[in-house]
Protein backbone atom coordinates (compact mmCIF):
# COMPACT_ATOMS: atom_id res chain seq x y z
CA UNK A 1 0.66 -51.76 -18.42
CA UNK A 2 4.44 -51.70 -17.58
CA UNK A 3 5.27 -51.87 -13.76
CA UNK A 4 8.63 -52.23 -11.95
CA UNK A 5 8.32 -55.18 -9.78
CA UNK A 6 10.49 -56.34 -6.92
CA UNK A 7 10.00 -59.91 -5.18
CA UNK A 8 12.82 -59.81 -2.63
CA UNK A 9 15.19 -57.11 -1.24
CA UNK A 10 18.52 -56.32 -2.61
CA UNK A 11 19.75 -53.95 -4.80
CA UNK A 12 18.98 -52.17 -7.67
CA UNK A 13 18.86 -55.41 -9.56
CA UNK A 14 16.08 -56.46 -8.10
CA UNK A 15 14.23 -54.37 -9.23
CA UNK A 16 12.13 -55.75 -12.67
CA UNK A 17 10.07 -54.47 -15.61
CA UNK A 18 7.19 -56.72 -16.18
CA UNK A 19 3.79 -56.20 -17.88
CA UNK A 20 0.61 -56.96 -15.48
CA UNK A 21 -2.65 -56.32 -15.55
CA UNK A 22 -3.74 -52.63 -15.37
CA UNK A 23 -5.62 -52.16 -12.39
CA UNK A 24 -9.34 -51.33 -12.05
CA UNK A 25 -10.98 -48.80 -9.22
CA UNK A 26 -13.82 -49.07 -7.46
CA UNK A 27 -16.10 -46.57 -5.80
CA UNK A 28 -13.60 -44.38 -4.06
CA UNK A 29 -10.65 -45.23 -5.62
CA UNK A 30 -8.80 -43.10 -8.30
CA UNK A 31 -7.10 -44.49 -11.07
CA UNK A 32 -4.05 -42.48 -12.43
CA UNK A 33 -2.12 -42.66 -15.09
CA UNK A 34 1.48 -42.16 -13.95
CA UNK A 35 3.59 -39.41 -15.69
CA UNK A 36 6.07 -38.64 -13.12
CA UNK A 37 6.71 -39.48 -9.88
CA UNK A 38 9.95 -38.44 -7.33
CA UNK A 39 11.98 -40.90 -5.51
CA UNK A 40 12.34 -40.86 -1.94
CA UNK A 41 14.07 -42.69 0.89
CA UNK A 42 11.44 -44.69 2.18
CA UNK A 43 11.47 -46.89 -1.23
CA UNK A 44 15.44 -47.19 -0.93
CA UNK A 45 14.98 -48.30 2.74
CA UNK A 46 12.41 -50.88 1.58
CA UNK A 47 14.16 -52.22 -1.41
CA UNK A 48 17.14 -52.86 0.34
CA UNK A 49 14.88 -54.67 3.11
CA UNK A 50 14.94 -52.25 5.81
CA UNK A 51 11.17 -51.92 6.12
CA UNK A 52 9.69 -55.07 7.99
CA UNK A 53 6.02 -53.84 7.35
CA UNK A 54 6.24 -54.09 4.00
CA UNK A 55 5.27 -57.63 1.97
CA UNK A 56 6.94 -58.58 -1.29
CA UNK A 57 5.98 -58.43 -4.15
CA UNK A 58 5.52 -54.85 -4.37
CA UNK A 59 5.37 -51.98 -7.06
CA UNK A 60 6.87 -49.51 -4.95
CA UNK A 61 6.68 -45.24 -5.38
CA UNK A 62 4.75 -43.59 -2.19
CA UNK A 63 3.85 -40.45 -5.05
CA UNK A 64 3.33 -39.77 -8.38
CA UNK A 65 1.62 -36.82 -10.59
CA UNK A 66 -0.55 -37.53 -13.59
CA UNK A 67 -4.33 -37.45 -15.00
CA UNK A 68 -7.16 -39.38 -13.65
CA UNK A 69 -8.52 -42.16 -15.72
CA UNK A 70 -11.71 -43.24 -13.76
CA UNK A 71 -12.48 -42.04 -10.55
CA UNK A 72 -15.81 -43.83 -9.70
CA UNK A 73 -17.79 -42.81 -7.05
CA UNK A 74 -15.64 -39.16 -6.68
CA UNK A 75 -15.76 -35.62 -7.66
CA UNK A 76 -12.82 -36.34 -9.90
CA UNK A 77 -12.76 -36.30 -13.62
CA UNK A 78 -10.77 -38.12 -16.65
CA UNK A 79 -8.21 -35.87 -17.52
CA UNK A 80 -7.83 -33.74 -14.34
CA UNK A 81 -4.34 -32.96 -13.32
CA UNK A 82 -3.59 -34.88 -10.09
CA UNK A 83 -0.96 -35.72 -7.75
CA UNK A 84 -1.08 -39.00 -5.31
CA UNK A 85 0.91 -39.38 -2.09
CA UNK A 86 1.48 -41.32 1.37
CA UNK A 87 -1.31 -43.72 3.12
CA UNK A 88 0.38 -46.66 2.24
CA UNK A 89 0.99 -46.19 -1.39
CA UNK A 90 3.93 -48.02 -2.42
CA UNK A 91 3.72 -50.08 0.80
CA UNK A 92 0.67 -51.50 1.99
CA UNK A 93 -0.52 -51.19 -1.60
CA UNK A 94 0.91 -50.71 -5.12
CA UNK A 95 2.16 -47.74 -5.85
CA UNK A 96 4.19 -45.09 -8.64
CA UNK A 97 6.37 -47.24 -10.37
CA UNK A 98 4.26 -48.25 -12.65
CA UNK A 99 2.46 -47.07 -15.67
CA UNK A 100 -1.03 -46.11 -14.31
CA UNK A 101 -1.97 -46.77 -10.19
CA UNK A 102 -4.96 -47.27 -8.31
CA UNK A 103 -5.00 -44.64 -5.33
CA UNK A 104 -7.87 -44.18 -2.57
CA UNK A 105 -9.17 -40.45 -3.22
CA UNK A 106 -8.40 -39.11 0.25
CA UNK A 107 -4.72 -38.97 -0.83
CA UNK A 108 -5.59 -37.43 -4.21
CA UNK A 109 -4.76 -33.74 -4.55
CA UNK A 110 -6.50 -31.99 -7.70
CA UNK A 111 -3.91 -29.44 -9.18
CA UNK A 112 -3.93 -26.77 -11.50
CA UNK A 113 -0.47 -25.82 -12.81
CA UNK A 114 1.58 -25.41 -15.90
CA UNK A 115 4.86 -26.72 -15.09
CA UNK A 116 5.93 -29.23 -16.83
CA UNK A 117 5.86 -32.86 -15.39
CA UNK A 118 9.26 -33.19 -14.41
CA UNK A 119 9.39 -30.25 -12.18
CA UNK A 120 5.82 -31.03 -10.82
CA UNK A 121 6.72 -34.49 -10.07
CA UNK A 122 9.47 -33.36 -7.84
CA UNK A 123 6.95 -31.86 -5.66
CA UNK A 124 4.64 -33.72 -3.73
CA UNK A 125 6.21 -35.18 -1.42
CA UNK A 126 8.69 -33.27 -0.66
CA UNK A 127 6.34 -30.06 -0.13
CA UNK A 128 4.18 -32.29 2.34
CA UNK A 129 6.99 -33.69 4.49
CA UNK A 130 8.73 -30.17 4.58
CA UNK A 131 5.58 -28.24 5.79
CA UNK A 132 4.25 -31.33 8.23
CA UNK A 133 7.77 -30.75 9.65
CA UNK A 134 8.24 -27.21 9.53
CA UNK A 135 4.88 -26.28 10.85
CA UNK A 136 3.83 -29.24 12.86
CA UNK A 137 6.76 -30.45 14.24
CA UNK A 138 8.79 -27.51 14.48
CA UNK A 139 6.38 -24.70 14.74
CA UNK A 140 8.32 -22.19 12.72
CA UNK A 141 5.97 -19.14 13.46
CA UNK A 142 7.57 -18.86 16.61
CA UNK A 143 11.05 -19.00 15.28
CA UNK A 144 13.84 -17.22 14.50
CA UNK A 145 16.70 -19.51 13.76
CA UNK A 146 16.99 -23.18 12.80
CA UNK A 147 19.34 -25.71 12.06
CA UNK A 148 18.94 -28.23 9.22
CA UNK A 149 21.14 -31.38 9.16
CA UNK A 150 21.20 -32.84 6.29
CA UNK A 151 20.98 -29.84 4.19
CA UNK A 152 21.72 -31.09 0.77
CA UNK A 153 18.82 -33.70 0.77
CA UNK A 154 15.67 -32.97 -1.29
CA UNK A 155 14.13 -32.13 1.94
CA UNK A 156 17.07 -30.42 3.44
CA UNK A 157 17.00 -28.33 0.61
CA UNK A 158 13.29 -27.20 0.63
CA UNK A 159 13.08 -26.71 4.51
CA UNK A 160 16.03 -24.15 3.88
CA UNK A 161 13.71 -22.65 1.07
CA UNK A 162 10.87 -22.82 3.34
CA UNK A 163 12.39 -21.66 6.42
CA UNK A 164 14.07 -18.64 4.47
CA UNK A 165 10.66 -17.34 3.17
CA UNK A 166 9.34 -17.82 6.47
CA UNK A 167 12.11 -14.79 7.28
CA UNK A 168 14.42 -17.54 9.33
CA UNK A 169 18.17 -17.09 9.89
CA UNK A 170 19.24 -21.00 8.34
CA UNK A 171 22.34 -22.97 9.48
CA UNK A 172 22.41 -25.59 6.97
CA UNK A 173 25.37 -28.80 7.23
CA UNK A 174 26.54 -30.94 4.81
CA UNK A 175 29.37 -33.79 4.40
CA UNK A 176 30.98 -32.94 1.59
CA UNK A 177 32.89 -29.07 1.73
CA UNK A 178 32.28 -28.81 -1.92
CA UNK A 179 28.63 -28.69 -1.40
CA UNK A 180 28.93 -25.51 0.84
CA UNK A 181 28.69 -23.43 -1.60
CA UNK A 182 25.18 -24.65 -3.20
CA UNK A 183 24.08 -24.42 0.47
CA UNK A 184 25.07 -20.49 0.02
CA UNK A 185 23.49 -20.17 -3.32
CA UNK A 186 20.42 -21.80 -2.02
CA UNK A 187 19.90 -19.06 0.37
CA UNK A 188 21.71 -20.66 3.72
CA UNK A 189 22.82 -18.12 6.16
CA UNK A 190 25.56 -19.80 7.70
CA UNK A 191 27.10 -23.49 6.78
CA UNK A 192 28.52 -26.23 8.81
CA UNK A 193 31.15 -29.34 7.97
CA UNK A 194 28.94 -32.26 8.82
CA UNK A 195 30.11 -34.43 11.63
CA UNK A 196 29.28 -36.36 14.71
CA UNK A 197 29.08 -33.56 16.66
CA UNK A 198 28.80 -29.88 15.40
CA UNK A 199 26.95 -28.41 18.41
CA UNK A 200 30.15 -26.72 19.65
CA UNK A 201 30.90 -24.99 16.17
CA UNK A 202 27.44 -23.97 16.30
CA UNK A 203 27.79 -22.67 19.63
CA UNK A 204 30.15 -20.10 18.23
CA UNK A 205 27.47 -18.58 15.88
CA UNK A 206 24.73 -18.74 18.29
CA UNK A 207 26.18 -19.20 21.69
CA UNK A 208 22.26 -19.39 23.10
CA UNK A 209 21.42 -22.55 20.38
CA UNK A 210 19.27 -22.13 17.60
CA UNK A 211 15.24 -22.13 18.12
CA UNK A 212 14.80 -25.12 15.63
CA UNK A 213 16.62 -28.27 14.81
CA UNK A 214 15.49 -30.54 11.50
CA UNK A 215 17.29 -34.09 12.04
CA UNK A 216 17.17 -35.27 8.67
CA UNK A 217 20.25 -37.60 9.41
CA UNK A 218 18.98 -39.70 11.98
CA UNK A 219 19.60 -41.13 14.87
CA UNK A 220 23.37 -40.91 14.85
CA UNK A 221 23.09 -37.00 15.11
CA UNK A 222 20.26 -36.91 17.40
CA UNK A 223 21.65 -36.16 20.67
CA UNK A 224 24.36 -33.88 18.86
CA UNK A 225 21.24 -32.36 17.51
CA UNK A 226 19.56 -31.95 21.13
CA UNK A 227 22.93 -29.37 22.32
CA UNK A 228 22.08 -27.57 19.29
CA UNK A 229 18.92 -26.21 20.50
CA UNK A 230 18.63 -22.88 23.00
CA UNK A 231 16.05 -23.43 25.98
CA UNK A 232 12.35 -24.16 24.83
CA UNK A 233 13.96 -24.45 21.77
CA UNK A 234 12.20 -27.81 18.96
CA UNK A 235 14.25 -30.78 17.93
CA UNK A 236 12.06 -32.69 15.10
CA UNK A 237 13.18 -35.68 13.84
CA UNK A 238 12.01 -36.44 10.54
CA UNK A 239 14.85 -38.05 8.37
CA UNK A 240 17.23 -41.29 8.24
CA UNK A 241 19.60 -40.78 5.90
CA UNK A 242 22.47 -42.10 7.56
CA UNK A 243 20.87 -45.34 8.37
CA UNK A 244 20.68 -45.34 11.83
CA UNK A 245 16.43 -45.87 13.18
CA UNK A 246 17.55 -45.86 17.12
CA UNK A 247 19.69 -45.68 19.77
CA UNK A 248 20.77 -48.08 22.02
CA UNK A 249 21.46 -46.42 25.15
CA UNK A 250 19.05 -43.62 25.69
CA UNK A 251 18.75 -41.89 29.13
CA UNK A 252 16.10 -38.98 28.38
CA UNK A 253 17.51 -37.17 31.75
CA UNK A 254 21.15 -36.92 30.47
CA UNK A 255 20.43 -36.92 26.99
CA UNK A 256 17.58 -33.67 26.56
CA UNK A 257 18.89 -30.27 27.98
CA UNK A 258 16.40 -28.77 30.07
CA UNK A 259 13.86 -26.91 29.02
CA UNK A 260 14.37 -28.84 25.50
CA UNK A 261 11.88 -30.13 23.52
CA UNK A 262 11.77 -33.73 21.03
CA UNK A 263 9.50 -34.69 18.66
CA UNK A 264 9.14 -36.53 15.11
CA UNK A 265 7.46 -36.51 11.95
CA UNK A 266 6.42 -38.89 9.91
CA UNK A 267 3.28 -37.75 8.85
CA UNK A 268 1.24 -38.27 5.81
CA UNK A 269 -1.47 -36.91 3.13
CA UNK A 270 -3.79 -35.64 5.51
CA UNK A 271 -1.26 -32.93 7.37
CA UNK A 272 -1.52 -30.68 4.37
CA UNK A 273 -4.78 -29.61 2.02
CA UNK A 274 -5.00 -29.41 -1.22
CA UNK A 275 -5.43 -24.81 -1.24
CA UNK A 276 -2.14 -25.37 0.60
CA UNK A 277 -0.32 -28.03 -2.13
CA UNK A 278 -1.99 -25.81 -4.45
CA UNK A 279 -0.53 -22.31 -3.22
CA UNK A 280 3.14 -24.05 -2.97
CA UNK A 281 2.68 -24.97 -6.41
CA UNK A 282 1.67 -21.85 -7.57
CA UNK A 283 5.04 -19.88 -5.80
CA UNK A 284 6.79 -22.70 -7.64
CA UNK A 285 5.47 -21.81 -10.54
CA UNK A 286 5.73 -17.98 -10.24
CA UNK A 287 9.22 -18.26 -8.72
CA UNK A 288 8.20 -17.13 -5.97
CA UNK A 289 9.91 -20.43 -4.38
CA UNK A 290 12.72 -22.30 -5.86
CA UNK A 291 13.46 -25.67 -4.86
CA UNK A 292 16.33 -27.87 -5.63
CA UNK A 293 15.79 -30.74 -8.02
CA UNK A 294 18.25 -33.40 -8.94
CA UNK A 295 18.49 -35.00 -11.99
CA UNK A 296 16.37 -36.83 -13.77
CA UNK A 297 15.61 -40.32 -15.29
CA UNK A 298 13.46 -42.40 -17.86
CA UNK A 299 11.29 -44.87 -16.66
CA UNK A 300 13.42 -47.54 -17.82
CA UNK A 301 15.99 -46.37 -16.44
CA UNK A 302 14.72 -46.35 -12.73
CA UNK A 303 17.23 -48.84 -11.42
CA UNK A 304 19.87 -46.33 -12.66
CA UNK A 305 18.47 -43.83 -10.42
CA UNK A 306 18.19 -45.85 -7.52
CA UNK A 307 21.93 -46.52 -8.22
CA UNK A 308 22.02 -42.88 -7.54
CA UNK A 309 20.60 -42.68 -4.26
CA UNK A 310 22.96 -46.04 -3.53
CA UNK A 311 25.55 -43.36 -4.08
CA UNK A 312 24.29 -40.32 -2.76
CA UNK A 313 24.80 -38.55 -5.87
CA UNK A 314 21.47 -36.91 -6.79
CA UNK A 315 21.87 -33.36 -5.09
CA UNK A 316 18.36 -32.90 -5.17
CA UNK A 317 15.07 -34.40 -5.60
CA UNK A 318 15.52 -37.28 -8.77
CA UNK A 319 12.14 -37.92 -10.78
CA UNK A 320 11.37 -40.57 -12.75
CA UNK A 321 9.18 -39.81 -16.14
CA UNK A 322 6.66 -42.05 -17.69
CA UNK A 323 6.45 -41.54 -20.78
């Protein structure tokens, strides 16, 4: 099979397309013919050398959709349409940047859908991360308002769609004023131009603050996000689009307003059930849930796709199709 191998950290040119042996599954594993996979910031961080736990050489890729080739000792059968994601995929073991991938059964989801491969390939990790952030991290069932920082990212746009479906009033942010219209068209009730400090501007709209804040930019804006939350509000840090992983100085008593809760979300495939993922996919298929999808790339153009991540030009989830 063909697979994109990375031997050392660096730019997109470090990804090399090679012929390698097709993996053979043992009992409890699923060999998947990869039809499409979404691109994720996790892979971007790893490629740049910012994932110290990942050892090279490695086939990156934390998600995919495709068809079962073999699944010894499991309930899955050859030809079945499936998604796979997370659980060390593309990090602890070789992932989806390949024509075939071998994945433990526990992180494989059987799916029934008429969506084409590019559309289906955009969904698994985006839906899992958004679902976990909103329901496990932010408990949006008890909220009426939410701020999404990093709103034009694939997770930000998915969170906007799911938050509106849940009946929340949504504030979304973008660093590019030209993208404000896109956010409003996607359903945002309010759009703020992103900066290191937007709490004053947000409180002009909601003087008491918002019930929930989904922090996708990272540590660089986290302290300001805490001051956007209302008393008894929750701030959940899920993303690090800004590339800053940690705060050099953090004084909790001064940084966290009284009554505001701070949490994170970095869960995995166990945080969404096969039935929940299937329900979301069905909603997308029916047009009842609209998710923003970015450009689609051929398998051979993976380096070009990574350059688009470098340049932050996607405006939605990027998908690579394996022909």
